[in-house]
């Protein structure tokens, strides 16, 4: 009788363990430029996305993940591209109350070297948003950004979500 109870408890714990595992799906952008794995809690927003912008909403009101194709830039390096962008964010007409929280750091995205940065700013309603952005300069000087945004510092404190996306990233061009 005890063996039967142990077996039932083991099955129950196994089911609980399986149900607690985060589920994900493989996303390939509609233009076949890249693909990665996205957790199911993040919902693809077809009506907000374009051929140059892919948008996902998370569980909280301000959770946002997006991938941007920025077209050909005049920048000669990813360093120049990232620094120019940050100057625009911090400058007049840029992001309100822009504050850098983590300086540029090198990151590998599917074999392409990019630069990662974390900052905050206030949106047009005065709400503080946290962003973790990765700048990439792809072949033919094509600018590309991966951005994780929220109203909480988790986007720069807990990198496990972004690490999972980057770990599964594949360029298809």
N, C-alpha and C. Protein backbone atom coordinates (compact mmCIF):
# COMPACT_ATOMS: atom_id res chain seq x y z
N UNK A 1 0.82 -1.19 0.00
CA UNK A 1 0.00 0.00 0.00
C UNK A 1 0.87 1.26 0.00
N UNK A 2 1.96 1.28 0.77
CA UNK A 2 2.85 2.43 0.85
C UNK A 2 3.50 2.71 -0.51
N UNK A 3 3.87 1.63 -1.22
CA UNK A 3 4.48 1.80 -2.55
C UNK A 3 3.50 2.48 -3.50
N UNK A 4 2.24 2.14 -3.41
CA UNK A 4 1.21 2.75 -4.26
C UNK A 4 1.07 4.24 -3.98
N UNK A 5 1.11 4.63 -2.71
CA UNK A 5 1.00 6.05 -2.34
C UNK A 5 2.23 6.81 -2.82
N UNK A 6 3.40 6.19 -2.66
CA UNK A 6 4.63 6.83 -3.12
C UNK A 6 4.58 7.03 -4.63
N UNK A 7 4.07 6.05 -5.35
CA UNK A 7 3.96 6.14 -6.80
C UNK A 7 3.00 7.28 -7.19
N UNK A 8 1.86 7.37 -6.52
CA UNK A 8 0.88 8.42 -6.82
C UNK A 8 1.47 9.80 -6.50
N UNK A 9 2.15 9.92 -5.37
CA UNK A 9 2.78 11.18 -5.00
C UNK A 9 3.85 11.55 -6.03
N UNK A 10 4.64 10.59 -6.47
CA UNK A 10 5.68 10.84 -7.47
C UNK A 10 5.08 11.33 -8.78
N UNK A 11 3.99 10.69 -9.21
CA UNK A 11 3.32 11.11 -10.45
C UNK A 11 2.78 12.52 -10.29
N UNK A 12 2.15 12.80 -9.15
CA UNK A 12 1.61 14.13 -8.88
C UNK A 12 2.71 15.19 -8.92
N UNK A 13 3.84 14.92 -8.27
CA UNK A 13 4.96 15.86 -8.29
C UNK A 13 5.53 16.05 -9.69
N UNK A 14 5.59 14.98 -10.45
CA UNK A 14 6.07 15.08 -11.84
C UNK A 14 5.15 15.96 -12.66
N UNK A 15 3.84 15.80 -12.49
CA UNK A 15 2.88 16.63 -13.22
C UNK A 15 3.03 18.09 -12.82
N UNK A 16 3.18 18.35 -11.51
CA UNK A 16 3.39 19.72 -11.05
C UNK A 16 4.66 20.31 -11.65
N UNK A 17 5.72 19.50 -11.68
CA UNK A 17 6.98 19.97 -12.24
C UNK A 17 6.87 20.31 -13.71
N UNK A 18 6.18 19.48 -14.45
CA UNK A 18 6.01 19.72 -15.89
C UNK A 18 5.18 20.97 -16.11
N UNK A 19 4.11 21.14 -15.35
CA UNK A 19 3.24 22.30 -15.55
C UNK A 19 3.93 23.60 -15.16
N UNK A 20 4.94 23.52 -14.29
CA UNK A 20 5.66 24.71 -13.88
C UNK A 20 6.74 25.14 -14.86
N UNK A 21 7.05 24.31 -15.82
CA UNK A 21 8.07 24.63 -16.80
C UNK A 21 7.54 25.69 -17.75
N UNK A 22 8.34 26.72 -17.96
CA UNK A 22 7.94 27.78 -18.88
C UNK A 22 7.86 27.23 -20.30
N UNK A 23 6.78 27.54 -20.94
CA UNK A 23 6.60 27.09 -22.32
C UNK A 23 6.97 28.22 -23.26
N UNK A 24 7.47 27.86 -24.42
CA UNK A 24 7.93 28.86 -25.38
C UNK A 24 7.57 28.41 -26.78
N UNK A 25 7.69 29.33 -27.71
CA UNK A 25 7.46 29.02 -29.11
C UNK A 25 8.61 29.60 -29.93
N UNK A 26 8.83 29.00 -31.08
CA UNK A 26 9.87 29.50 -31.98
C UNK A 26 9.24 30.57 -32.86
N UNK A 27 9.84 31.74 -32.84
CA UNK A 27 9.36 32.85 -33.66
C UNK A 27 10.35 33.11 -34.77
N UNK A 28 9.85 33.20 -36.00
CA UNK A 28 10.64 33.61 -37.15
C UNK A 28 9.98 34.86 -37.70
N UNK A 29 10.77 35.92 -37.84
CA UNK A 29 10.14 37.16 -38.29
C UNK A 29 9.61 36.99 -39.71
N UNK A 30 8.54 37.71 -40.05
CA UNK A 30 7.88 37.54 -41.35
C UNK A 30 8.78 37.79 -42.56
N UNK A 31 9.87 38.52 -42.38
CA UNK A 31 10.77 38.79 -43.51
C UNK A 31 11.93 37.80 -43.57
N UNK A 32 11.91 36.78 -42.68
CA UNK A 32 12.95 35.75 -42.63
C UNK A 32 14.35 36.31 -42.40
N UNK A 33 14.46 37.30 -41.55
CA UNK A 33 15.76 37.86 -41.19
C UNK A 33 16.36 37.16 -39.99
N UNK A 34 15.50 36.75 -39.03
CA UNK A 34 15.98 36.17 -37.79
C UNK A 34 14.89 35.29 -37.18
N UNK A 35 15.31 34.48 -36.23
CA UNK A 35 14.38 33.65 -35.47
C UNK A 35 14.93 33.46 -34.08
N UNK A 36 14.03 33.20 -33.13
CA UNK A 36 14.42 32.95 -31.74
C UNK A 36 13.28 32.28 -31.01
N UNK A 37 13.49 31.96 -29.77
CA UNK A 37 12.45 31.38 -28.93
C UNK A 37 11.91 32.45 -28.01
N UNK A 38 10.58 32.54 -27.91
CA UNK A 38 9.91 33.52 -27.07
C UNK A 38 9.01 32.77 -26.09
N UNK A 39 9.05 33.15 -24.82
CA UNK A 39 8.16 32.54 -23.83
C UNK A 39 6.70 32.82 -24.18
N UNK A 40 5.84 31.83 -23.91
CA UNK A 40 4.41 31.95 -24.24
C UNK A 40 3.73 33.15 -23.60
N UNK A 41 4.24 33.63 -22.47
CA UNK A 41 3.61 34.77 -21.80
C UNK A 41 3.74 36.06 -22.62
N UNK A 42 4.62 36.04 -23.59
CA UNK A 42 4.82 37.21 -24.45
C UNK A 42 4.03 36.99 -25.72
N UNK A 43 3.17 37.95 -26.04
CA UNK A 43 2.23 37.80 -27.15
C UNK A 43 2.65 38.68 -28.32
N UNK A 44 2.78 38.05 -29.48
CA UNK A 44 3.12 38.76 -30.71
C UNK A 44 1.99 39.72 -31.07
N UNK A 45 2.34 40.96 -31.37
CA UNK A 45 1.35 41.99 -31.69
C UNK A 45 1.40 42.30 -33.19
N UNK A 46 0.65 41.54 -33.95
CA UNK A 46 0.66 41.70 -35.41
C UNK A 46 0.24 43.09 -35.83
N UNK A 47 -0.76 43.66 -35.16
CA UNK A 47 -1.26 44.98 -35.54
C UNK A 47 -0.27 46.11 -35.20
N UNK A 48 0.67 45.89 -34.29
CA UNK A 48 1.68 46.88 -33.95
C UNK A 48 2.99 46.65 -34.72
N UNK A 49 3.13 45.47 -35.31
CA UNK A 49 4.37 45.10 -35.99
C UNK A 49 4.31 45.48 -37.47
N UNK A 50 5.50 45.70 -38.04
CA UNK A 50 5.64 45.99 -39.46
C UNK A 50 6.79 45.12 -39.98
N UNK A 51 7.17 45.33 -41.23
CA UNK A 51 8.30 44.57 -41.77
C UNK A 51 9.62 44.98 -41.10
N UNK A 52 9.65 46.16 -40.46
CA UNK A 52 10.86 46.63 -39.79
C UNK A 52 10.78 46.63 -38.27
N UNK A 53 9.62 46.30 -37.71
CA UNK A 53 9.43 46.33 -36.27
C UNK A 53 8.58 45.14 -35.85
N UNK A 54 9.10 44.33 -34.92
CA UNK A 54 8.38 43.18 -34.38
C UNK A 54 8.14 43.46 -32.90
N UNK A 55 6.87 43.40 -32.49
CA UNK A 55 6.49 43.79 -31.14
C UNK A 55 5.82 42.62 -30.40
N UNK A 56 6.20 42.46 -29.13
CA UNK A 56 5.59 41.49 -28.22
C UNK A 56 5.21 42.22 -26.94
N UNK A 57 4.03 41.91 -26.40
CA UNK A 57 3.62 42.44 -25.09
C UNK A 57 3.79 41.34 -24.07
N UNK A 58 4.23 41.72 -22.87
CA UNK A 58 4.37 40.78 -21.77
C UNK A 58 3.14 40.77 -20.89
N UNK A 59 3.29 40.21 -19.71
CA UNK A 59 2.16 40.06 -18.79
C UNK A 59 1.75 41.37 -18.11
N UNK A 60 2.70 42.22 -17.76
CA UNK A 60 2.38 43.48 -17.08
C UNK A 60 2.11 44.58 -18.12
N UNK A 61 1.47 45.65 -17.65
CA UNK A 61 1.03 46.72 -18.55
C UNK A 61 2.14 47.33 -19.39
N UNK A 62 3.32 47.46 -18.83
CA UNK A 62 4.40 48.13 -19.55
C UNK A 62 5.47 47.19 -20.09
N UNK A 63 5.26 45.88 -19.99
CA UNK A 63 6.24 44.92 -20.51
C UNK A 63 6.19 44.89 -22.03
N UNK A 64 7.31 45.15 -22.63
CA UNK A 64 7.40 45.24 -24.08
C UNK A 64 8.73 44.67 -24.55
N UNK A 65 8.69 43.88 -25.60
CA UNK A 65 9.89 43.36 -26.25
C UNK A 65 9.75 43.67 -27.72
N UNK A 66 10.76 44.29 -28.29
CA UNK A 66 10.67 44.56 -29.72
C UNK A 66 12.02 44.48 -30.41
N UNK A 67 11.94 44.09 -31.68
CA UNK A 67 13.10 43.96 -32.54
C UNK A 67 12.92 44.95 -33.69
N UNK A 68 13.93 45.81 -33.91
CA UNK A 68 13.83 46.87 -34.91
C UNK A 68 14.90 46.76 -35.98
N UNK A 69 14.47 46.74 -37.21
CA UNK A 69 15.38 46.90 -38.35
C UNK A 69 15.39 48.38 -38.69
N UNK A 70 16.55 49.01 -38.57
CA UNK A 70 16.64 50.46 -38.73
C UNK A 70 17.17 50.91 -40.08
N UNK A 71 17.44 49.98 -40.95
CA UNK A 71 17.94 50.33 -42.28
C UNK A 71 19.42 50.64 -42.27
N UNK A 72 19.90 51.07 -43.39
CA UNK A 72 21.33 51.35 -43.56
C UNK A 72 21.70 52.62 -42.79
N UNK A 73 22.79 52.52 -42.06
CA UNK A 73 23.28 53.68 -41.30
C UNK A 73 24.60 54.16 -41.90
N UNK A 74 24.99 55.35 -41.51
CA UNK A 74 26.28 55.89 -41.96
C UNK A 74 27.40 55.54 -40.99
N UNK A 75 27.04 54.85 -39.90
CA UNK A 75 28.03 54.50 -38.89
C UNK A 75 28.99 53.43 -39.40
N UNK A 76 30.25 53.57 -39.03
CA UNK A 76 31.29 52.64 -39.48
C UNK A 76 31.49 51.48 -38.52
N UNK A 77 30.93 51.58 -37.32
CA UNK A 77 31.08 50.51 -36.32
C UNK A 77 29.84 50.48 -35.43
N UNK A 78 29.65 49.36 -34.75
CA UNK A 78 28.53 49.26 -33.82
C UNK A 78 28.73 50.24 -32.66
N UNK A 79 29.98 50.51 -32.29
CA UNK A 79 30.28 51.47 -31.24
C UNK A 79 29.79 52.87 -31.63
N UNK A 80 30.07 53.27 -32.86
CA UNK A 80 29.61 54.57 -33.35
C UNK A 80 28.08 54.62 -33.40
N UNK A 81 27.47 53.57 -33.86
CA UNK A 81 26.01 53.48 -33.96
C UNK A 81 25.36 53.62 -32.57
N UNK A 82 25.86 52.86 -31.60
CA UNK A 82 25.30 52.89 -30.26
C UNK A 82 25.51 54.26 -29.59
N UNK A 83 26.71 54.79 -29.67
CA UNK A 83 27.00 56.09 -29.04
C UNK A 83 26.19 57.21 -29.68
N UNK A 84 26.03 57.21 -30.98
CA UNK A 84 25.22 58.22 -31.66
C UNK A 84 23.77 58.13 -31.20
N UNK A 85 23.25 56.90 -31.09
CA UNK A 85 21.88 56.70 -30.65
C UNK A 85 21.68 57.20 -29.23
N UNK A 86 22.61 56.87 -28.34
CA UNK A 86 22.50 57.31 -26.95
C UNK A 86 22.58 58.83 -26.83
N UNK A 87 23.39 59.46 -27.66
CA UNK A 87 23.45 60.93 -27.67
C UNK A 87 22.10 61.51 -28.08
N UNK A 88 21.44 60.88 -29.06
CA UNK A 88 20.11 61.34 -29.47
C UNK A 88 19.09 61.14 -28.35
N UNK A 89 19.14 60.01 -27.66
CA UNK A 89 18.21 59.75 -26.55
C UNK A 89 18.38 60.80 -25.44
N UNK A 90 19.65 61.17 -25.14
CA UNK A 90 19.95 62.08 -24.04
C UNK A 90 19.80 63.54 -24.42
N UNK A 91 19.81 63.84 -25.72
CA UNK A 91 19.81 65.22 -26.18
C UNK A 91 18.42 65.86 -26.25
N UNK A 92 18.42 67.11 -26.66
CA UNK A 92 17.17 67.86 -26.83
C UNK A 92 16.27 67.13 -27.83
N UNK A 93 15.01 66.96 -27.45
CA UNK A 93 14.08 66.23 -28.32
C UNK A 93 14.18 64.73 -28.18
N UNK A 94 15.06 64.27 -27.32
CA UNK A 94 15.24 62.83 -27.11
C UNK A 94 14.28 62.30 -26.06
N UNK A 95 14.74 61.39 -25.24
CA UNK A 95 13.91 60.79 -24.20
C UNK A 95 13.93 61.66 -22.94
N UNK A 96 12.75 61.97 -22.40
CA UNK A 96 12.63 62.79 -21.21
C UNK A 96 13.29 62.11 -20.01
N UNK A 97 14.03 62.87 -19.24
CA UNK A 97 14.66 62.37 -18.02
C UNK A 97 15.52 61.12 -18.27
N UNK A 98 16.18 61.10 -19.42
CA UNK A 98 17.05 59.98 -19.78
C UNK A 98 18.16 59.83 -18.75
N UNK A 99 18.36 58.59 -18.27
CA UNK A 99 19.44 58.32 -17.33
C UNK A 99 20.05 56.96 -17.65
N UNK A 100 21.34 56.96 -17.89
CA UNK A 100 22.08 55.73 -18.18
C UNK A 100 22.31 54.96 -16.88
N UNK A 101 22.01 53.66 -16.87
CA UNK A 101 22.22 52.84 -15.68
C UNK A 101 23.32 51.81 -15.86
N UNK A 102 23.60 51.43 -17.07
CA UNK A 102 24.67 50.48 -17.35
C UNK A 102 25.30 50.90 -18.68
N UNK A 103 26.59 51.13 -18.68
CA UNK A 103 27.28 51.57 -19.89
C UNK A 103 27.34 50.44 -20.92
N UNK A 104 27.76 50.78 -22.10
CA UNK A 104 27.82 49.83 -23.20
C UNK A 104 28.70 48.63 -22.86
N UNK A 105 28.16 47.44 -23.12
CA UNK A 105 28.89 46.20 -22.89
C UNK A 105 28.72 45.31 -24.12
N UNK A 106 29.77 44.63 -24.49
CA UNK A 106 29.74 43.74 -25.65
C UNK A 106 28.85 42.53 -25.39
N UNK A 107 28.09 42.13 -26.42
CA UNK A 107 27.20 40.97 -26.33
C UNK A 107 27.18 40.27 -27.69
N UNK A 108 27.09 38.94 -27.66
CA UNK A 108 27.01 38.14 -28.88
C UNK A 108 25.55 37.79 -29.14
N UNK A 109 25.09 38.12 -30.32
CA UNK A 109 23.71 37.81 -30.74
C UNK A 109 23.80 36.96 -32.00
N UNK A 110 23.68 35.67 -31.83
CA UNK A 110 23.73 34.77 -32.98
C UNK A 110 24.98 34.89 -33.82
N UNK A 111 26.12 35.15 -33.19
CA UNK A 111 27.38 35.28 -33.91
C UNK A 111 27.70 36.70 -34.35
N UNK A 112 26.81 37.62 -34.15
CA UNK A 112 27.06 39.04 -34.45
C UNK A 112 27.35 39.75 -33.13
N UNK A 113 28.42 40.54 -33.10
CA UNK A 113 28.77 41.26 -31.88
C UNK A 113 28.02 42.58 -31.85
N UNK A 114 27.33 42.79 -30.72
CA UNK A 114 26.59 44.02 -30.51
C UNK A 114 27.01 44.66 -29.21
N UNK A 115 26.33 45.76 -28.88
CA UNK A 115 26.57 46.46 -27.62
C UNK A 115 25.26 46.61 -26.88
N UNK A 116 25.32 46.28 -25.60
CA UNK A 116 24.16 46.29 -24.73
C UNK A 116 24.25 47.46 -23.76
N UNK A 117 23.10 48.06 -23.44
CA UNK A 117 23.05 49.20 -22.53
C UNK A 117 21.74 49.17 -21.76
N UNK A 118 21.72 49.77 -20.58
CA UNK A 118 20.48 49.87 -19.80
C UNK A 118 20.28 51.32 -19.38
N UNK A 119 19.04 51.79 -19.47
CA UNK A 119 18.72 53.17 -19.13
C UNK A 119 17.26 53.29 -18.72
N UNK A 120 16.93 54.46 -18.16
CA UNK A 120 15.54 54.78 -17.85
C UNK A 120 15.19 56.10 -18.51
N UNK A 121 13.90 56.33 -18.65
CA UNK A 121 13.38 57.61 -19.15
C UNK A 121 11.91 57.71 -18.73
N UNK A 122 11.33 58.89 -18.92
CA UNK A 122 9.92 59.07 -18.63
C UNK A 122 9.14 59.14 -19.94
N UNK A 123 8.03 58.40 -19.98
CA UNK A 123 7.20 58.45 -21.18
C UNK A 123 6.38 59.74 -21.18
N UNK A 124 5.53 59.93 -22.16
CA UNK A 124 4.78 61.17 -22.29
C UNK A 124 3.75 61.39 -21.18
N UNK A 125 3.52 60.37 -20.36
CA UNK A 125 2.61 60.50 -19.21
C UNK A 125 3.38 60.64 -17.89
N UNK A 126 4.70 60.79 -17.98
CA UNK A 126 5.51 60.96 -16.79
C UNK A 126 5.81 59.68 -16.04
N UNK A 127 5.61 58.55 -16.68
CA UNK A 127 5.84 57.25 -16.06
C UNK A 127 7.27 56.79 -16.37
N UNK A 128 8.04 56.40 -15.34
CA UNK A 128 9.42 55.95 -15.53
C UNK A 128 9.44 54.57 -16.15
N UNK A 129 10.19 54.42 -17.25
CA UNK A 129 10.35 53.14 -17.93
C UNK A 129 11.83 52.75 -17.93
N UNK A 130 12.06 51.44 -17.79
CA UNK A 130 13.40 50.86 -17.81
C UNK A 130 13.59 50.14 -19.12
N UNK A 131 14.74 50.34 -19.77
CA UNK A 131 15.00 49.62 -21.02
C UNK A 131 16.39 49.01 -21.03
N UNK A 132 16.44 47.83 -21.59
CA UNK A 132 17.70 47.14 -21.88
C UNK A 132 17.72 47.02 -23.40
N UNK A 133 18.66 47.70 -24.03
CA UNK A 133 18.71 47.75 -25.50
C UNK A 133 20.03 47.19 -25.99
N UNK A 134 19.94 46.44 -27.08
CA UNK A 134 21.14 45.91 -27.74
C UNK A 134 21.20 46.50 -29.13
N UNK A 135 22.33 47.13 -29.43
CA UNK A 135 22.59 47.71 -30.74
C UNK A 135 23.43 46.75 -31.55
N UNK A 136 23.06 46.56 -32.80
CA UNK A 136 23.84 45.72 -33.71
C UNK A 136 24.02 46.46 -35.03
N UNK A 137 25.18 46.29 -35.61
CA UNK A 137 25.44 46.79 -36.95
C UNK A 137 25.72 45.57 -37.81
N UNK A 138 24.74 45.23 -38.62
CA UNK A 138 24.79 44.00 -39.42
C UNK A 138 25.44 44.26 -40.78
N UNK A 139 25.64 43.22 -41.59
CA UNK A 139 26.26 43.41 -42.90
C UNK A 139 25.58 44.52 -43.70
N UNK A 140 26.35 45.20 -44.51
CA UNK A 140 25.90 46.33 -45.32
C UNK A 140 25.45 47.50 -44.43
N UNK A 141 26.04 47.62 -43.23
CA UNK A 141 25.77 48.70 -42.28
C UNK A 141 24.30 48.84 -41.88
N UNK A 142 23.62 47.70 -41.81
CA UNK A 142 22.21 47.70 -41.40
C UNK A 142 22.12 47.79 -39.88
N UNK A 143 21.44 48.81 -39.38
CA UNK A 143 21.23 48.98 -37.95
C UNK A 143 20.11 48.07 -37.46
N UNK A 144 20.28 47.49 -36.30
CA UNK A 144 19.27 46.60 -35.73
C UNK A 144 19.33 46.75 -34.21
N UNK A 145 18.16 46.75 -33.56
CA UNK A 145 18.09 46.83 -32.10
C UNK A 145 17.15 45.79 -31.55
N UNK A 146 17.51 45.26 -30.41
CA UNK A 146 16.67 44.38 -29.61
C UNK A 146 16.43 45.14 -28.31
N UNK A 147 15.16 45.33 -27.93
CA UNK A 147 14.85 46.14 -26.76
C UNK A 147 13.85 45.43 -25.87
N UNK A 148 14.17 45.38 -24.58
CA UNK A 148 13.28 44.86 -23.55
C UNK A 148 12.96 46.04 -22.65
N UNK A 149 11.66 46.31 -22.46
CA UNK A 149 11.23 47.50 -21.74
C UNK A 149 10.15 47.15 -20.72
N UNK A 150 10.15 47.87 -19.59
CA UNK A 150 9.13 47.67 -18.56
C UNK A 150 9.12 48.87 -17.62
N UNK A 151 8.18 48.88 -16.70
CA UNK A 151 8.14 49.94 -15.70
C UNK A 151 8.88 49.54 -14.42
N UNK A 152 9.61 48.45 -14.49
CA UNK A 152 10.39 48.00 -13.34
C UNK A 152 11.81 47.66 -13.72
N UNK A 153 12.71 47.71 -12.75
CA UNK A 153 14.13 47.46 -13.03
C UNK A 153 14.47 46.02 -13.34
N UNK A 154 13.50 45.10 -13.31
CA UNK A 154 13.80 43.70 -13.60
C UNK A 154 14.46 43.53 -14.96
N UNK A 155 14.18 44.43 -15.91
CA UNK A 155 14.74 44.27 -17.26
C UNK A 155 16.26 44.43 -17.29
N UNK A 156 16.82 45.04 -16.24
CA UNK A 156 18.28 45.14 -16.18
C UNK A 156 18.86 44.34 -15.02
N UNK A 157 18.03 43.94 -14.08
CA UNK A 157 18.50 43.17 -12.93
C UNK A 157 18.45 41.66 -13.16
N UNK A 158 17.41 41.20 -13.86
CA UNK A 158 17.25 39.77 -14.13
C UNK A 158 17.35 39.54 -15.63
N UNK A 159 18.52 39.13 -16.06
CA UNK A 159 18.77 38.99 -17.50
C UNK A 159 18.40 37.61 -18.04
N UNK A 160 17.80 36.76 -17.23
CA UNK A 160 17.52 35.39 -17.67
C UNK A 160 16.58 35.36 -18.87
N UNK A 161 15.56 36.21 -18.89
CA UNK A 161 14.63 36.25 -20.02
C UNK A 161 15.35 36.65 -21.31
N UNK A 162 16.10 37.73 -21.24
CA UNK A 162 16.83 38.19 -22.42
C UNK A 162 17.92 37.20 -22.82
N UNK A 163 18.59 36.60 -21.85
CA UNK A 163 19.61 35.59 -22.15
C UNK A 163 19.02 34.40 -22.91
N UNK A 164 17.82 34.00 -22.54
CA UNK A 164 17.15 32.89 -23.23
C UNK A 164 16.87 33.25 -24.69
N UNK A 165 16.40 34.45 -24.94
CA UNK A 165 16.14 34.91 -26.31
C UNK A 165 17.43 34.95 -27.11
N UNK A 166 18.48 35.51 -26.53
CA UNK A 166 19.76 35.63 -27.23
C UNK A 166 20.41 34.27 -27.44
N UNK A 167 20.24 33.37 -26.48
CA UNK A 167 20.81 32.03 -26.61
C UNK A 167 20.20 31.22 -27.74
N UNK A 168 18.98 31.54 -28.12
CA UNK A 168 18.28 30.83 -29.19
C UNK A 168 18.27 31.61 -30.51
N UNK A 169 18.89 32.78 -30.53
CA UNK A 169 18.82 33.68 -31.70
C UNK A 169 19.55 33.08 -32.89
N UNK A 170 18.91 33.17 -34.05
CA UNK A 170 19.50 32.72 -35.32
C UNK A 170 19.25 33.77 -36.39
N UNK A 171 20.30 34.18 -37.06
CA UNK A 171 20.16 35.08 -38.20
C UNK A 171 19.87 34.23 -39.42
N UNK A 172 18.95 34.64 -40.24
CA UNK A 172 18.54 33.87 -41.41
C UNK A 172 18.93 34.53 -42.72
N UNK A 173 19.53 35.71 -42.68
CA UNK A 173 19.89 36.43 -43.92
C UNK A 173 21.13 35.85 -44.54
